[in-house]
Protein backbone atom coordinates (compact mmCIF):
# COMPACT_ATOMS: atom_id res chain seq x y z
CA MET A 1 18.60 -18.81 12.70
CA THR A 2 17.24 -16.73 9.85
CA ASP A 3 13.62 -17.49 8.84
CA ASN A 4 12.62 -17.26 5.20
CA TYR A 5 9.52 -15.58 3.76
CA ALA A 6 8.45 -14.63 0.26
CA VAL A 7 5.70 -13.19 -1.92
CA PHE A 8 4.32 -15.32 -4.78
CA GLY A 9 2.70 -13.64 -7.78
CA ASN A 10 2.53 -13.30 -11.54
CA PRO A 11 3.59 -10.61 -12.26
CA VAL A 12 5.60 -9.95 -9.11
CA GLU A 13 8.52 -7.76 -10.20
CA HIS A 14 6.68 -4.58 -9.14
CA SER A 15 6.01 -5.88 -5.61
CA LYS A 16 6.98 -3.57 -2.74
CA SER A 17 6.59 -6.39 -0.19
CA PRO A 18 10.32 -7.24 0.12
CA ALA A 19 11.19 -3.61 0.91
CA ILE A 20 8.31 -3.34 3.38
CA HIS A 21 9.10 -6.53 5.29
CA THR A 22 12.84 -5.84 5.30
CA ALA A 23 12.08 -2.48 6.90
CA PHE A 24 9.77 -4.13 9.44
CA ALA A 25 12.47 -6.68 10.33
CA ALA A 26 15.09 -3.97 10.80
CA ALA A 27 12.75 -1.98 13.05
CA THR A 28 11.72 -4.94 15.22
CA GLY A 29 15.01 -6.85 15.29
CA GLU A 30 13.44 -9.94 13.72
CA ASP A 31 15.91 -12.19 11.84
CA ILE A 32 14.24 -12.86 8.49
CA THR A 33 14.82 -12.80 4.75
CA TYR A 34 12.03 -11.92 2.33
CA GLN A 35 12.13 -12.54 -1.43
CA LYS A 36 9.74 -12.18 -4.34
CA GLN A 37 9.11 -15.18 -6.56
CA LEU A 38 7.50 -15.30 -9.98
CA VAL A 39 5.26 -18.38 -10.11
CA ASP A 40 3.94 -19.85 -13.35
CA GLU A 41 0.17 -20.00 -13.58
CA GLY A 42 -0.95 -23.52 -12.78
CA ALA A 43 2.16 -24.20 -10.69
CA PHE A 44 1.19 -22.54 -7.40
CA ALA A 45 0.77 -25.66 -5.24
CA GLU A 46 4.04 -27.14 -6.49
CA ALA A 47 5.91 -23.89 -5.79
CA ALA A 48 4.37 -23.58 -2.31
CA ASP A 49 5.21 -27.21 -1.47
CA LYS A 50 8.81 -26.61 -2.52
CA PHE A 51 9.04 -23.40 -0.48
CA PHE A 52 7.74 -24.93 2.75
CA SER A 53 9.69 -28.17 2.26
CA ALA A 54 12.88 -26.10 2.03
CA GLY A 55 12.15 -24.58 5.45
CA GLY A 56 10.14 -21.50 4.44
CA LYS A 57 7.99 -20.07 7.23
CA GLY A 58 5.41 -17.94 5.44
CA LEU A 59 4.16 -16.54 2.16
CA ASN A 60 2.30 -13.49 0.96
CA ILE A 61 0.12 -14.15 -2.06
CA THR A 62 -0.78 -11.63 -4.73
CA VAL A 63 -2.63 -11.90 -8.03
CA PRO A 64 -3.58 -14.27 -9.54
CA PHE A 65 -3.10 -16.86 -6.79
CA LYS A 66 -5.32 -15.80 -3.85
CA GLN A 67 -7.99 -18.40 -4.64
CA GLU A 68 -5.37 -21.11 -5.15
CA ALA A 69 -3.81 -20.19 -1.80
CA TYR A 70 -7.27 -20.54 -0.27
CA SER A 71 -7.50 -24.08 -1.61
CA TYR A 72 -3.90 -24.88 -0.66
CA ALA A 73 -4.21 -24.02 3.04
CA ALA A 74 -4.91 -26.95 5.36
CA LYS A 75 -6.68 -24.59 7.77
CA LEU A 76 -8.39 -21.22 7.29
CA THR A 77 -9.15 -18.34 9.61
CA ALA A 78 -12.79 -17.26 9.80
CA ARG A 79 -12.06 -14.02 7.93
CA ALA A 80 -10.28 -15.89 5.14
CA ARG A 81 -13.24 -18.24 4.82
CA HIS A 82 -15.65 -15.31 4.54
CA ALA A 83 -13.42 -13.55 2.00
CA GLY A 84 -13.02 -16.68 -0.10
CA ALA A 85 -9.38 -15.78 -0.68
CA VAL A 86 -6.01 -15.96 1.09
CA ASN A 87 -3.09 -13.55 0.91
CA THR A 88 -1.06 -14.90 3.85
CA LEU A 89 0.13 -18.46 4.42
CA SER A 90 1.97 -19.43 7.59
CA LEU A 91 3.59 -22.68 8.65
CA GLN A 92 2.18 -23.92 11.96
CA ASP A 93 3.97 -25.82 14.72
CA ASP A 94 2.22 -29.04 13.69
CA GLY A 95 3.52 -28.74 10.11
CA THR A 96 0.22 -27.63 8.57
CA VAL A 97 -0.23 -24.39 6.64
CA LEU A 98 -2.76 -21.78 7.85
CA GLY A 99 -4.42 -19.44 5.36
CA ASP A 100 -5.46 -15.91 6.35
CA THR A 101 -6.39 -12.65 4.64
CA THR A 102 -5.09 -9.29 5.84
CA ASP A 103 -6.34 -6.95 3.09
CA GLY A 104 -9.50 -5.81 4.85
CA VAL A 105 -7.79 -5.25 8.19
CA GLY A 106 -5.09 -3.31 6.34
CA MET A 107 -7.63 -1.04 4.68
CA VAL A 108 -9.65 -0.20 7.78
CA ARG A 109 -6.50 0.35 9.87
CA ASP A 110 -5.24 2.80 7.26
CA MET A 111 -8.56 4.63 7.25
CA THR A 112 -9.14 4.78 10.99
CA GLU A 113 -5.61 5.00 12.44
CA ASN A 114 -3.49 6.67 9.75
CA LEU A 115 -6.13 8.91 8.18
CA GLY A 116 -8.33 9.41 11.25
CA TRP A 117 -11.57 8.67 9.39
CA GLU A 118 -14.73 7.61 11.20
CA ILE A 119 -16.69 4.65 9.82
CA LYS A 120 -19.20 3.91 12.58
CA GLY A 121 -22.65 5.21 11.67
CA LYS A 122 -21.55 6.37 8.20
CA LYS A 123 -23.21 5.73 4.85
CA VAL A 124 -20.64 3.80 2.81
CA LEU A 125 -20.50 3.10 -0.91
CA VAL A 126 -18.16 0.45 -2.33
CA LEU A 127 -17.54 0.48 -6.09
CA GLY A 128 -17.00 -2.97 -7.60
CA ALA A 129 -17.91 -6.51 -6.58
CA GLY A 130 -14.76 -8.49 -7.34
CA GLY A 131 -12.33 -10.33 -5.10
CA ALA A 132 -10.71 -7.14 -3.77
CA VAL A 133 -14.07 -5.93 -2.45
CA ARG A 134 -15.05 -9.32 -1.06
CA GLY A 135 -11.84 -9.33 0.97
CA VAL A 136 -12.58 -6.07 2.80
CA LEU A 137 -16.30 -6.31 3.57
CA GLU A 138 -16.12 -8.17 6.89
CA PRO A 139 -13.63 -5.78 8.60
CA LEU A 140 -15.58 -2.83 7.17
CA LEU A 141 -18.90 -4.09 8.54
CA GLU A 142 -17.33 -4.84 11.93
CA LEU A 143 -16.88 -1.06 12.38
CA LEU A 144 -20.68 -0.64 12.29
CA PRO A 145 -21.38 1.73 9.40
CA GLN A 146 -25.02 2.80 9.07
CA HIS A 147 -25.16 0.81 5.86
CA VAL A 148 -22.96 -0.32 2.99
CA VAL A 149 -24.04 -0.18 -0.65
CA ILE A 150 -22.12 -2.25 -3.20
CA ALA A 151 -22.44 -0.81 -6.70
CA ASN A 152 -21.26 -2.77 -9.72
CA ARG A 153 -21.60 -2.67 -13.47
CA THR A 154 -23.21 -6.12 -13.29
CA ILE A 155 -25.94 -5.84 -10.66
CA ASP A 156 -26.16 -9.61 -10.12
CA LYS A 157 -22.61 -9.72 -8.72
CA ALA A 158 -23.39 -6.85 -6.33
CA LEU A 159 -26.58 -8.55 -5.13
CA GLN A 160 -24.81 -11.88 -4.69
CA LEU A 161 -22.09 -10.25 -2.60
CA SER A 162 -24.58 -8.32 -0.46
CA LYS A 163 -26.49 -11.52 0.29
CA GLY A 164 -23.28 -13.37 1.16
CA PHE A 165 -22.42 -10.87 3.91
CA ALA A 166 -25.97 -9.93 4.95
CA GLU A 167 -25.69 -11.50 8.42
CA MET A 168 -22.78 -9.14 9.25
CA GLY A 169 -24.57 -5.85 8.72
CA TYR A 170 -26.95 -3.74 6.64
CA LEU A 171 -25.73 -4.36 3.10
CA LEU A 172 -27.34 -3.51 -0.25
CA GLY A 173 -26.37 -4.24 -3.85
CA CYS A 174 -27.14 -2.10 -6.89
CA GLY A 175 -26.03 -1.16 -10.39
CA PHE A 176 -24.19 2.09 -11.16
CA ASP A 177 -27.38 3.32 -12.82
CA MET A 178 -29.16 3.19 -9.45
CA LEU A 179 -26.79 5.63 -7.71
CA PRO A 180 -28.49 8.93 -8.72
CA GLY A 181 -30.39 10.25 -5.70
CA GLN A 182 -28.15 8.50 -3.18
CA GLN A 183 -25.43 10.23 -1.12
CA PHE A 184 -22.59 8.82 0.97
CA ASP A 185 -20.10 9.78 3.70
CA LEU A 186 -17.42 7.36 2.50
CA VAL A 187 -16.86 6.08 -1.04
CA ILE A 188 -14.35 3.25 -1.61
CA ASN A 189 -13.19 2.40 -5.11
CA GLY A 190 -12.58 -1.34 -5.24
CA THR A 191 -12.30 -1.53 -9.02
CA SER A 192 -8.99 -1.39 -10.90
CA ALA A 193 -10.55 0.74 -13.64
CA SER A 194 -9.09 4.03 -12.42
CA LEU A 195 -5.54 2.77 -12.98
CA ALA A 196 -6.46 2.48 -16.65
CA GLY A 197 -7.85 6.02 -16.63
CA GLU A 198 -11.47 4.84 -16.48
CA LEU A 199 -14.19 5.66 -14.00
CA PRO A 200 -17.64 4.22 -13.30
CA PRO A 201 -20.51 6.63 -14.14
CA LEU A 202 -20.88 8.49 -10.83
CA PRO A 203 -23.48 11.21 -10.12
CA ASP A 204 -22.11 14.70 -9.49
CA ASP A 205 -23.95 14.93 -6.15
CA LEU A 206 -22.85 11.52 -4.81
CA LEU A 207 -20.85 12.93 -1.88
CA MET A 208 -22.41 14.27 1.30
CA GLY A 209 -20.84 17.29 3.00
CA GLY A 210 -17.55 16.26 4.59
CA ALA A 211 -17.40 12.97 2.64
CA VAL A 212 -14.10 11.12 2.23
CA CYS A 213 -12.98 8.91 -0.67
CA TYR A 214 -10.54 5.98 -0.77
CA ASP A 215 -9.05 4.21 -3.78
CA MET A 216 -7.80 0.70 -2.98
CA MET A 217 -5.39 1.05 -5.90
CA TYR A 218 -2.29 3.23 -5.78
CA GLY A 219 0.20 4.68 -8.22
CA SER A 220 2.84 7.36 -8.59
CA GLU A 221 0.10 9.86 -9.50
CA PRO A 222 -3.41 10.35 -8.08
CA THR A 223 -5.87 7.96 -9.74
CA VAL A 224 -8.77 9.11 -11.90
CA PHE A 225 -11.11 8.28 -9.02
CA MET A 226 -9.10 10.43 -6.60
CA ASN A 227 -9.17 13.33 -9.04
CA TRP A 228 -12.94 12.92 -9.44
CA ALA A 229 -13.37 12.92 -5.65
CA GLN A 230 -11.38 16.13 -5.21
CA GLN A 231 -13.32 17.83 -7.99
CA HIS A 232 -16.65 16.84 -6.39
CA GLY A 233 -16.06 18.16 -2.89
CA ALA A 234 -14.43 15.33 -0.93
CA SER A 235 -12.92 16.65 2.30
CA SER A 236 -10.16 14.03 2.20
CA VAL A 237 -8.89 11.61 -0.46
CA ALA A 238 -6.42 8.71 -0.17
CA ASP A 239 -5.02 5.88 -2.26
CA GLY A 240 -4.25 2.30 -1.21
CA LEU A 241 -0.54 2.63 -0.39
CA GLY A 242 -1.28 2.78 3.33
CA MET A 243 -3.50 -0.29 2.96
CA LEU A 244 -0.58 -2.12 1.31
CA VAL A 245 1.71 -1.38 4.24
CA GLU A 246 -0.93 -2.10 6.90
CA GLN A 247 -1.88 -5.47 5.41
CA ALA A 248 1.84 -6.33 5.34
CA ALA A 249 2.13 -5.35 9.02
CA GLU A 250 -0.77 -7.68 9.82
CA SER A 251 0.99 -10.52 7.97
CA PHE A 252 4.23 -9.76 9.83
CA ALA A 253 2.37 -9.88 13.16
CA ILE A 254 0.84 -13.24 12.25
CA TRP A 255 4.26 -14.68 11.41
CA ARG A 256 6.44 -13.07 14.09
CA GLY A 257 4.05 -12.25 16.94
CA THR A 258 5.00 -8.57 16.95
CA ARG A 259 3.32 -5.69 15.13
CA PRO A 260 5.71 -3.24 13.46
CA GLU A 261 5.14 0.51 13.30
CA THR A 262 3.99 1.49 9.82
CA GLN A 263 4.16 5.28 9.50
CA GLU A 264 7.85 5.56 8.61
CA VAL A 265 7.49 2.84 5.96
CA ILE A 266 4.45 4.53 4.41
CA THR A 267 6.31 7.86 4.36
CA ALA A 268 9.40 6.26 2.77
CA LEU A 269 7.36 4.55 0.03
CA ARG A 270 5.43 7.74 -0.63
CA GLY A 271 8.74 9.56 -1.07
CA GLN A 272 9.83 7.06 -3.70
């Protein structure tokens, strides 16, 4: 019997999730369908109820519904609770819905397994203090970097986030104006500003020798942040397309109990 899955979002037309999960299903022999569904703002719970009542097995959640999915879930994984957001809902055997987040795992898997980057013992800078950053901090800290600095335009948000995850590792918050004089091995852009052609004010000497830079966003062309990184001596630069595929693979594993290979899917999407 075919099991049904979907991604909920608004907008959702651009979503690559159906293509990714269809490829995963073909590669693993899993019998599923996967659709994308535009959900009106304010109608998330109603749409989710309807989906699961009709026999749906699981949902991916994209903007702007990750907090609503968090509230909707009857149970939460520890990492979803720490992130304060949910991007994966799965129907359990007892009829309840479990909420999880796979974004952070997707990012660190892309960095460590696909790109071969080392995080343990490194000085890490994360730009931004919004929901996207909150969702990746726990998996990042689990890899034992020397320390993580969160820099944000509004310093209060960076400080609040650093305090919220302080028990998981050495974490500091600061404003962009406090970056001069600091240097890092890994810089992660967790803001969406570079997609709009904007960049936080970054010092020219921000990168240590051999530093790598990662933009959680992705597009058909390198982002402004990626261009900045290449111009300022980064040894390797990557966008978030691999993160997108890896977080989807984590969702697929949660739903189906088998982890699909990701490299061919990443290569195919990159070719598009």
